[in-house]
Structure formats: structure tokens, C-alpha cells
Amino acid sequence: MVHYSDMTPDIRKAVKIELLNRDINRKKLSELTGLSPEHISRLMNGSSGFVPEGWQKIFDAVGLELVVQAKKISAKD
């Protein structure tokens, strides 16, 4: 589990590792998300991806933080 307020290099690294573990390349990720490969590259390389300031202010005000963790997959998946 990773706790951060923005898309830090550690979060990007965790996502890249998960993509490798699941054998998902950027083309496949593009198909799964509907995002262009170029947009995915920008997100993965750090030129974009901060949590919107408004949401970060809300998180801070109520004592919450953004958490990234693997989803639990049900037995029927």
C-alpha cells in the first residue's frame, strides 16, 4: 500500500510493476482505459498526474490521503 498526495515517482513505479506483473503494455493499457498511448506516456513519465488541487485541499481538511493498493479480485473473476 502506498500513501501519497500526488502521483509521485513511487506511485508511477508501483503502477509500472503491476503492469509488468499483468503483462499489460501501453497499447493494451490504451485499449483498456480509452486513453491515447501518448496520454498514457505523459502520465507514466511524470509530465502530468497531480491530484487536482481542490481534491487535495478536501483530503487535507478532513485528514484523508490518497492510497494506492491492489484491488481484491473475487473468485468469479
N, C-alpha and C. Protein backbone atom coordinates (compact mmCIF):
# COMPACT_ATOMS: atom_id res chain seq x y z
N MET A 1 0.85 -1.17 0.00
CA MET A 1 0.00 0.00 0.00
C MET A 1 0.90 1.23 0.00
N VAL A 2 0.57 2.21 -0.83
CA VAL A 2 1.37 3.43 -0.96
C VAL A 2 0.49 4.61 -0.59
N HIS A 3 0.97 5.50 0.25
CA HIS A 3 0.22 6.68 0.66
C HIS A 3 0.92 7.93 0.13
N TYR A 4 0.25 8.71 -0.69
CA TYR A 4 0.82 9.93 -1.23
C TYR A 4 -0.27 10.92 -1.56
N SER A 5 0.12 12.20 -1.66
CA SER A 5 -0.85 13.23 -2.03
C SER A 5 -0.80 13.55 -3.51
N ASP A 6 0.18 13.04 -4.23
CA ASP A 6 0.21 13.26 -5.67
C ASP A 6 0.84 12.05 -6.34
N MET A 7 0.91 12.10 -7.64
CA MET A 7 1.43 10.98 -8.41
C MET A 7 2.95 11.03 -8.41
N THR A 8 3.54 10.59 -7.35
CA THR A 8 4.99 10.62 -7.18
C THR A 8 5.65 9.52 -8.00
N PRO A 9 6.96 9.59 -8.11
CA PRO A 9 7.67 8.50 -8.81
C PRO A 9 7.39 7.13 -8.19
N ASP A 10 7.19 7.06 -6.88
CA ASP A 10 6.91 5.77 -6.25
C ASP A 10 5.58 5.19 -6.71
N ILE A 11 4.57 6.04 -6.87
CA ILE A 11 3.28 5.54 -7.36
C ILE A 11 3.42 5.10 -8.81
N ARG A 12 4.10 5.91 -9.61
CA ARG A 12 4.31 5.52 -11.01
C ARG A 12 5.06 4.19 -11.08
N LYS A 13 6.06 4.00 -10.23
CA LYS A 13 6.82 2.76 -10.21
C LYS A 13 5.91 1.59 -9.84
N ALA A 14 5.05 1.77 -8.84
CA ALA A 14 4.12 0.72 -8.42
C ALA A 14 3.19 0.33 -9.57
N VAL A 15 2.72 1.33 -10.31
CA VAL A 15 1.83 1.05 -11.46
C VAL A 15 2.61 0.31 -12.53
N LYS A 16 3.83 0.74 -12.82
CA LYS A 16 4.64 0.07 -13.85
C LYS A 16 4.91 -1.38 -13.47
N ILE A 17 5.20 -1.62 -12.21
CA ILE A 17 5.43 -3.00 -11.75
C ILE A 17 4.17 -3.84 -11.93
N GLU A 18 3.01 -3.26 -11.57
CA GLU A 18 1.75 -4.00 -11.73
C GLU A 18 1.46 -4.28 -13.19
N LEU A 19 1.75 -3.33 -14.06
CA LEU A 19 1.55 -3.55 -15.50
C LEU A 19 2.44 -4.70 -15.98
N LEU A 20 3.69 -4.72 -15.52
CA LEU A 20 4.60 -5.82 -15.89
C LEU A 20 4.09 -7.15 -15.35
N ASN A 21 3.64 -7.16 -14.10
CA ASN A 21 3.12 -8.40 -13.50
C ASN A 21 1.92 -8.94 -14.25
N ARG A 22 1.13 -8.04 -14.79
CA ARG A 22 -0.08 -8.45 -15.51
C ARG A 22 0.14 -8.54 -17.02
N ASP A 23 1.38 -8.32 -17.46
CA ASP A 23 1.73 -8.39 -18.88
C ASP A 23 0.87 -7.44 -19.71
N ILE A 24 0.73 -6.21 -19.22
CA ILE A 24 -0.06 -5.20 -19.92
C ILE A 24 0.91 -4.13 -20.43
N ASN A 25 0.99 -4.00 -21.77
CA ASN A 25 1.83 -2.97 -22.35
C ASN A 25 1.01 -1.69 -22.54
N ARG A 26 1.66 -0.63 -22.99
CA ARG A 26 0.95 0.66 -23.12
C ARG A 26 -0.16 0.61 -24.16
N LYS A 27 0.03 -0.17 -25.22
CA LYS A 27 -1.03 -0.30 -26.23
C LYS A 27 -2.26 -0.94 -25.59
N LYS A 28 -2.05 -2.03 -24.85
CA LYS A 28 -3.17 -2.71 -24.18
C LYS A 28 -3.81 -1.79 -23.15
N LEU A 29 -2.97 -1.06 -22.39
CA LEU A 29 -3.49 -0.13 -21.39
C LEU A 29 -4.33 0.95 -22.07
N SER A 30 -3.90 1.38 -23.24
CA SER A 30 -4.67 2.36 -24.01
C SER A 30 -6.05 1.80 -24.36
N GLU A 31 -6.08 0.55 -24.78
CA GLU A 31 -7.36 -0.10 -25.11
C GLU A 31 -8.25 -0.24 -23.88
N LEU A 32 -7.65 -0.60 -22.74
CA LEU A 32 -8.42 -0.80 -21.51
C LEU A 32 -8.97 0.50 -20.93
N THR A 33 -8.23 1.60 -21.11
CA THR A 33 -8.62 2.86 -20.49
C THR A 33 -9.32 3.84 -21.42
N GLY A 34 -9.15 3.66 -22.71
CA GLY A 34 -9.68 4.64 -23.66
C GLY A 34 -8.80 5.89 -23.77
N LEU A 35 -7.64 5.87 -23.13
CA LEU A 35 -6.69 6.98 -23.22
C LEU A 35 -5.73 6.71 -24.37
N SER A 36 -5.27 7.76 -25.02
CA SER A 36 -4.33 7.57 -26.11
C SER A 36 -2.99 7.11 -25.55
N PRO A 37 -2.22 6.37 -26.35
CA PRO A 37 -0.89 5.96 -25.90
C PRO A 37 -0.01 7.15 -25.51
N GLU A 38 -0.16 8.26 -26.21
CA GLU A 38 0.61 9.46 -25.90
C GLU A 38 0.23 10.01 -24.52
N HIS A 39 -1.07 10.01 -24.22
CA HIS A 39 -1.54 10.49 -22.91
C HIS A 39 -1.00 9.57 -21.81
N ILE A 40 -1.05 8.28 -22.03
CA ILE A 40 -0.53 7.33 -21.05
C ILE A 40 0.97 7.57 -20.84
N SER A 41 1.70 7.79 -21.91
CA SER A 41 3.14 8.07 -21.78
C SER A 41 3.39 9.31 -20.93
N ARG A 42 2.61 10.36 -21.16
CA ARG A 42 2.77 11.58 -20.36
C ARG A 42 2.47 11.30 -18.89
N LEU A 43 1.41 10.55 -18.62
CA LEU A 43 1.07 10.22 -17.23
C LEU A 43 2.14 9.36 -16.58
N MET A 44 2.63 8.38 -17.31
CA MET A 44 3.61 7.45 -16.74
C MET A 44 4.99 8.07 -16.59
N ASN A 45 5.29 9.07 -17.39
CA ASN A 45 6.62 9.69 -17.35
C ASN A 45 6.68 10.91 -16.47
N GLY A 46 5.59 11.30 -15.86
CA GLY A 46 5.64 12.35 -14.87
C GLY A 46 5.35 13.75 -15.34
N SER A 47 4.96 13.94 -16.60
CA SER A 47 4.67 15.30 -17.05
C SER A 47 3.23 15.71 -16.74
N SER A 48 2.50 14.83 -16.10
CA SER A 48 1.11 15.10 -15.74
C SER A 48 0.73 14.11 -14.64
N GLY A 49 -0.31 14.42 -13.88
CA GLY A 49 -0.81 13.42 -12.97
C GLY A 49 -1.00 13.83 -11.54
N PHE A 50 -0.84 15.10 -11.21
CA PHE A 50 -1.07 15.51 -9.83
C PHE A 50 -2.56 15.44 -9.48
N VAL A 51 -2.82 15.12 -8.24
CA VAL A 51 -4.19 15.15 -7.76
C VAL A 51 -4.66 16.60 -7.88
N PRO A 52 -5.86 16.85 -8.43
CA PRO A 52 -6.33 18.22 -8.55
C PRO A 52 -6.29 18.94 -7.20
N GLU A 53 -5.87 20.19 -7.24
CA GLU A 53 -5.67 20.98 -6.01
C GLU A 53 -6.91 20.99 -5.12
N GLY A 54 -8.09 21.12 -5.73
CA GLY A 54 -9.32 21.15 -4.94
C GLY A 54 -9.51 19.88 -4.13
N TRP A 55 -9.27 18.73 -4.77
CA TRP A 55 -9.39 17.47 -4.05
C TRP A 55 -8.35 17.36 -2.95
N GLN A 56 -7.12 17.80 -3.25
CA GLN A 56 -6.08 17.72 -2.23
C GLN A 56 -6.45 18.56 -1.01
N LYS A 57 -7.05 19.72 -1.23
CA LYS A 57 -7.47 20.58 -0.12
C LYS A 57 -8.55 19.90 0.71
N ILE A 58 -9.47 19.21 0.03
CA ILE A 58 -10.53 18.48 0.74
C ILE A 58 -9.90 17.35 1.56
N PHE A 59 -9.01 16.58 0.93
CA PHE A 59 -8.34 15.50 1.66
C PHE A 59 -7.64 16.03 2.90
N ASP A 60 -6.89 17.13 2.73
CA ASP A 60 -6.16 17.71 3.85
C ASP A 60 -7.11 18.20 4.95
N ALA A 61 -8.21 18.81 4.56
CA ALA A 61 -9.14 19.38 5.53
C ALA A 61 -9.79 18.32 6.41
N VAL A 62 -10.02 17.14 5.83
CA VAL A 62 -10.70 16.09 6.59
C VAL A 62 -9.75 14.97 7.03
N GLY A 63 -8.45 15.18 6.83
CA GLY A 63 -7.47 14.21 7.30
C GLY A 63 -7.41 12.93 6.49
N LEU A 64 -7.59 13.04 5.19
CA LEU A 64 -7.51 11.86 4.32
C LEU A 64 -6.27 11.94 3.44
N GLU A 65 -5.83 10.79 2.93
CA GLU A 65 -4.74 10.75 1.98
C GLU A 65 -5.06 9.76 0.87
N LEU A 66 -4.48 9.99 -0.28
CA LEU A 66 -4.65 9.11 -1.42
C LEU A 66 -3.87 7.82 -1.16
N VAL A 67 -4.51 6.66 -1.39
CA VAL A 67 -3.87 5.37 -1.15
C VAL A 67 -3.98 4.54 -2.42
N VAL A 68 -2.88 3.91 -2.79
CA VAL A 68 -2.86 3.03 -3.95
C VAL A 68 -2.59 1.62 -3.45
N GLN A 69 -3.48 0.70 -3.80
CA GLN A 69 -3.29 -0.71 -3.43
C GLN A 69 -3.96 -1.57 -4.47
N ALA A 70 -3.54 -2.81 -4.55
CA ALA A 70 -4.13 -3.75 -5.49
C ALA A 70 -5.58 -4.01 -5.11
N LYS A 71 -6.42 -4.16 -6.11
CA LYS A 71 -7.82 -4.50 -5.87
C LYS A 71 -7.93 -5.95 -5.45
N LYS A 72 -8.91 -6.23 -4.65
CA LYS A 72 -9.22 -7.60 -4.30
C LYS A 72 -10.10 -8.16 -5.41
N ILE A 73 -9.70 -9.29 -5.94
CA ILE A 73 -10.43 -9.89 -7.06
C ILE A 73 -11.30 -11.01 -6.51
N SER A 74 -12.57 -11.00 -6.88
CA SER A 74 -13.48 -12.04 -6.39
C SER A 74 -13.20 -13.36 -7.10
N ALA A 75 -13.66 -14.43 -6.51
CA ALA A 75 -13.42 -15.79 -7.04
C ALA A 75 -14.02 -15.97 -8.43
N LYS A 76 -15.08 -15.24 -8.75
CA LYS A 76 -15.72 -15.43 -10.06
C LYS A 76 -15.01 -14.68 -11.17
N ASP A 77 -14.02 -13.81 -10.87
CA ASP A 77 -13.28 -13.06 -11.90
C ASP A 77 -12.23 -13.86 -12.54
